[in-house]
């Protein structure tokens, strides 16, 4: 779980180097089948990622993979997935 402050800090780490950030194929990871608690957490995580981008000059946009976990590619291909995972999982 990342807070708004954590997301904003991660985005600022990149924009602070005079680079634009585009969050592409945003897909918040969860175990399947997804529980109600995980759905609620996803709601907050998507909101925090969106707010962090909106609050940070240099964040140029967000693209979602899909709106339904049925089509998520994450559980099948990614062992570590988080916003800006290159900055650390």
C-alpha atoms as a PDB file:
ATOM      1  CA  UNK A   1       0.000   0.000   0.000  1.00  0.00           C
ATOM      2  CA  UNK A   2       1.371   3.362  -1.006  1.00  0.00           C
ATOM      3  CA  UNK A   3       0.139   6.612   0.460  1.00  0.00           C
ATOM      4  CA  UNK A   4      -0.390   9.781  -1.529  1.00  0.00           C
ATOM      5  CA  UNK A   5       2.838  11.118  -0.008  1.00  0.00           C
ATOM      6  CA  UNK A   6       4.774   8.030  -1.165  1.00  0.00           C
ATOM      7  CA  UNK A   7       3.400   8.235  -4.714  1.00  0.00           C
ATOM      8  CA  UNK A   8       4.083  11.967  -4.884  1.00  0.00           C
ATOM      9  CA  UNK A   9       7.621  11.455  -3.583  1.00  0.00           C
ATOM     10  CA  UNK A  10       8.312   8.802  -6.238  1.00  0.00           C
ATOM     11  CA  UNK A  11       6.999  11.001  -9.043  1.00  0.00           C
ATOM     12  CA  UNK A  12       8.994  13.971  -7.696  1.00  0.00           C
ATOM     13  CA  UNK A  13      12.183  11.892  -7.723  1.00  0.00           C
ATOM     14  CA  UNK A  14      11.917  11.738 -11.505  1.00  0.00           C
ATOM     15  CA  UNK A  15      10.494  15.189 -12.227  1.00  0.00           C
ATOM     16  CA  UNK A  16      13.151  16.645  -9.920  1.00  0.00           C
ATOM     17  CA  UNK A  17      15.698  15.592 -12.555  1.00  0.00           C
ATOM     18  CA  UNK A  18      13.888  17.723 -15.163  1.00  0.00           C
ATOM     19  CA  UNK A  19      12.233  14.680 -16.701  1.00  0.00           C
ATOM     20  CA  UNK A  20       8.553  14.332 -17.478  1.00  0.00           C
ATOM     21  CA  UNK A  21       6.648  11.400 -16.016  1.00  0.00           C
ATOM     22  CA  UNK A  22       3.955   9.458 -17.850  1.00  0.00           C
ATOM     23  CA  UNK A  23       2.432   6.647 -15.822  1.00  0.00           C
ATOM     24  CA  UNK A  24       1.622   4.085 -18.490  1.00  0.00           C
ATOM     25  CA  UNK A  25      -0.400   0.894 -18.228  1.00  0.00           C
ATOM     26  CA  UNK A  26      -1.213   1.529 -14.564  1.00  0.00           C
ATOM     27  CA  UNK A  27      -2.465  -1.756 -13.146  1.00  0.00           C
ATOM     28  CA  UNK A  28      -2.534  -2.108  -9.355  1.00  0.00           C
ATOM     29  CA  UNK A  29      -1.492  -5.604  -8.383  1.00  0.00           C
ATOM     30  CA  UNK A  30      -3.649  -7.914  -6.274  1.00  0.00           C
ATOM     31  CA  UNK A  31      -3.997 -11.625  -5.752  1.00  0.00           C
ATOM     32  CA  UNK A  32      -6.785 -13.406  -7.578  1.00  0.00           C
ATOM     33  CA  UNK A  33      -9.539 -13.948  -6.791  1.00  0.00           C
ATOM     34  CA  UNK A  34      -9.590 -10.427  -5.456  1.00  0.00           C
ATOM     35  CA  UNK A  35     -11.213  -9.810  -2.076  1.00  0.00           C
ATOM     36  CA  UNK A  36     -13.454  -6.891  -1.168  1.00  0.00           C
ATOM     37  CA  UNK A  37     -10.654  -5.473   0.992  1.00  0.00           C
ATOM     38  CA  UNK A  38      -8.249  -5.630  -1.959  1.00  0.00           C
ATOM     39  CA  UNK A  39     -10.787  -3.870  -4.176  1.00  0.00           C
ATOM     40  CA  UNK A  40     -11.069  -1.079  -1.632  1.00  0.00           C
ATOM     41  CA  UNK A  41      -7.279  -0.822  -1.420  1.00  0.00           C
ATOM     42  CA  UNK A  42      -7.054  -0.699  -5.225  1.00  0.00           C
ATOM     43  CA  UNK A  43      -9.548   2.163  -5.198  1.00  0.00           C
ATOM     44  CA  UNK A  44      -7.296   4.148  -2.863  1.00  0.00           C
ATOM     45  CA  UNK A  45      -4.105   3.183  -4.729  1.00  0.00           C
ATOM     46  CA  UNK A  46      -5.524   4.291  -8.099  1.00  0.00           C
ATOM     47  CA  UNK A  47      -6.710   7.510  -6.463  1.00  0.00           C
ATOM     48  CA  UNK A  48      -3.319   8.163  -4.866  1.00  0.00           C
ATOM     49  CA  UNK A  49      -1.462   7.542  -8.128  1.00  0.00           C
ATOM     50  CA  UNK A  50      -3.849   9.861  -9.970  1.00  0.00           C
ATOM     51  CA  UNK A  51      -3.620  12.599  -7.339  1.00  0.00           C
ATOM     52  CA  UNK A  52       0.181  12.351  -7.225  1.00  0.00           C
ATOM     53  CA  UNK A  53       0.339  12.910 -10.969  1.00  0.00           C
ATOM     54  CA  UNK A  54      -2.176  15.755 -10.862  1.00  0.00           C
ATOM     55  CA  UNK A  55      -0.270  17.472  -8.034  1.00  0.00           C
ATOM     56  CA  UNK A  56       3.158  17.161  -9.656  1.00  0.00           C
ATOM     57  CA  UNK A  57       4.308  19.528 -12.366  1.00  0.00           C
ATOM     58  CA  UNK A  58       5.950  17.375 -14.993  1.00  0.00           C
ATOM     59  CA  UNK A  59       3.586  14.422 -14.661  1.00  0.00           C
ATOM     60  CA  UNK A  60       2.053  14.490 -18.105  1.00  0.00           C
ATOM     61  CA  UNK A  61      -0.556  11.752 -17.838  1.00  0.00           C
ATOM     62  CA  UNK A  62      -1.781   8.336 -16.782  1.00  0.00           C
ATOM     63  CA  UNK A  63      -2.865   5.426 -18.958  1.00  0.00           C
ATOM     64  CA  UNK A  64      -4.775   2.491 -17.470  1.00  0.00           C
ATOM     65  CA  UNK A  65      -4.393  -1.073 -18.702  1.00  0.00           C
ATOM     66  CA  UNK A  66      -8.085  -1.824 -18.243  1.00  0.00           C
ATOM     67  CA  UNK A  67     -10.902  -1.201 -15.819  1.00  0.00           C
ATOM     68  CA  UNK A  68     -11.437  -4.844 -14.846  1.00  0.00           C
ATOM     69  CA  UNK A  69      -9.037  -7.271 -13.117  1.00  0.00           C
ATOM     70  CA  UNK A  70     -10.286 -10.055 -15.397  1.00  0.00           C
ATOM     71  CA  UNK A  71      -7.888  -8.829 -18.083  1.00  0.00           C
ATOM     72  CA  UNK A  72      -4.888  -7.949 -15.912  1.00  0.00           C
ATOM     73  CA  UNK A  73      -1.537  -9.107 -17.250  1.00  0.00           C
ATOM     74  CA  UNK A  74       0.234  -8.527 -13.921  1.00  0.00           C
ATOM     75  CA  UNK A  75      -0.329 -11.883 -12.160  1.00  0.00           C
ATOM     76  CA  UNK A  76       1.075 -13.782 -15.118  1.00  0.00           C
ATOM     77  CA  UNK A  77       4.132 -11.763 -16.072  1.00  0.00           C
ATOM     78  CA  UNK A  78       5.431  -9.467 -13.328  1.00  0.00           C
ATOM     79  CA  UNK A  79       7.081 -10.529 -10.086  1.00  0.00           C
ATOM     80  CA  UNK A  80       7.410  -6.985  -8.707  1.00  0.00           C
ATOM     81  CA  UNK A  81       5.021  -4.278  -9.762  1.00  0.00           C
ATOM     82  CA  UNK A  82       4.548  -0.874  -8.244  1.00  0.00           C
ATOM     83  CA  UNK A  83       4.485   2.668  -9.476  1.00  0.00           C
ATOM     84  CA  UNK A  84       7.951   3.491 -10.752  1.00  0.00           C
ATOM     85  CA  UNK A  85       9.210   0.038  -9.739  1.00  0.00           C
ATOM     86  CA  UNK A  86      12.594   0.894 -11.214  1.00  0.00           C
ATOM     87  CA  UNK A  87      13.059   3.054  -8.123  1.00  0.00           C
ATOM     88  CA  UNK A  88      12.653  -0.014  -5.919  1.00  0.00           C
ATOM     89  CA  UNK A  89      10.050  -2.683  -5.242  1.00  0.00           C
END
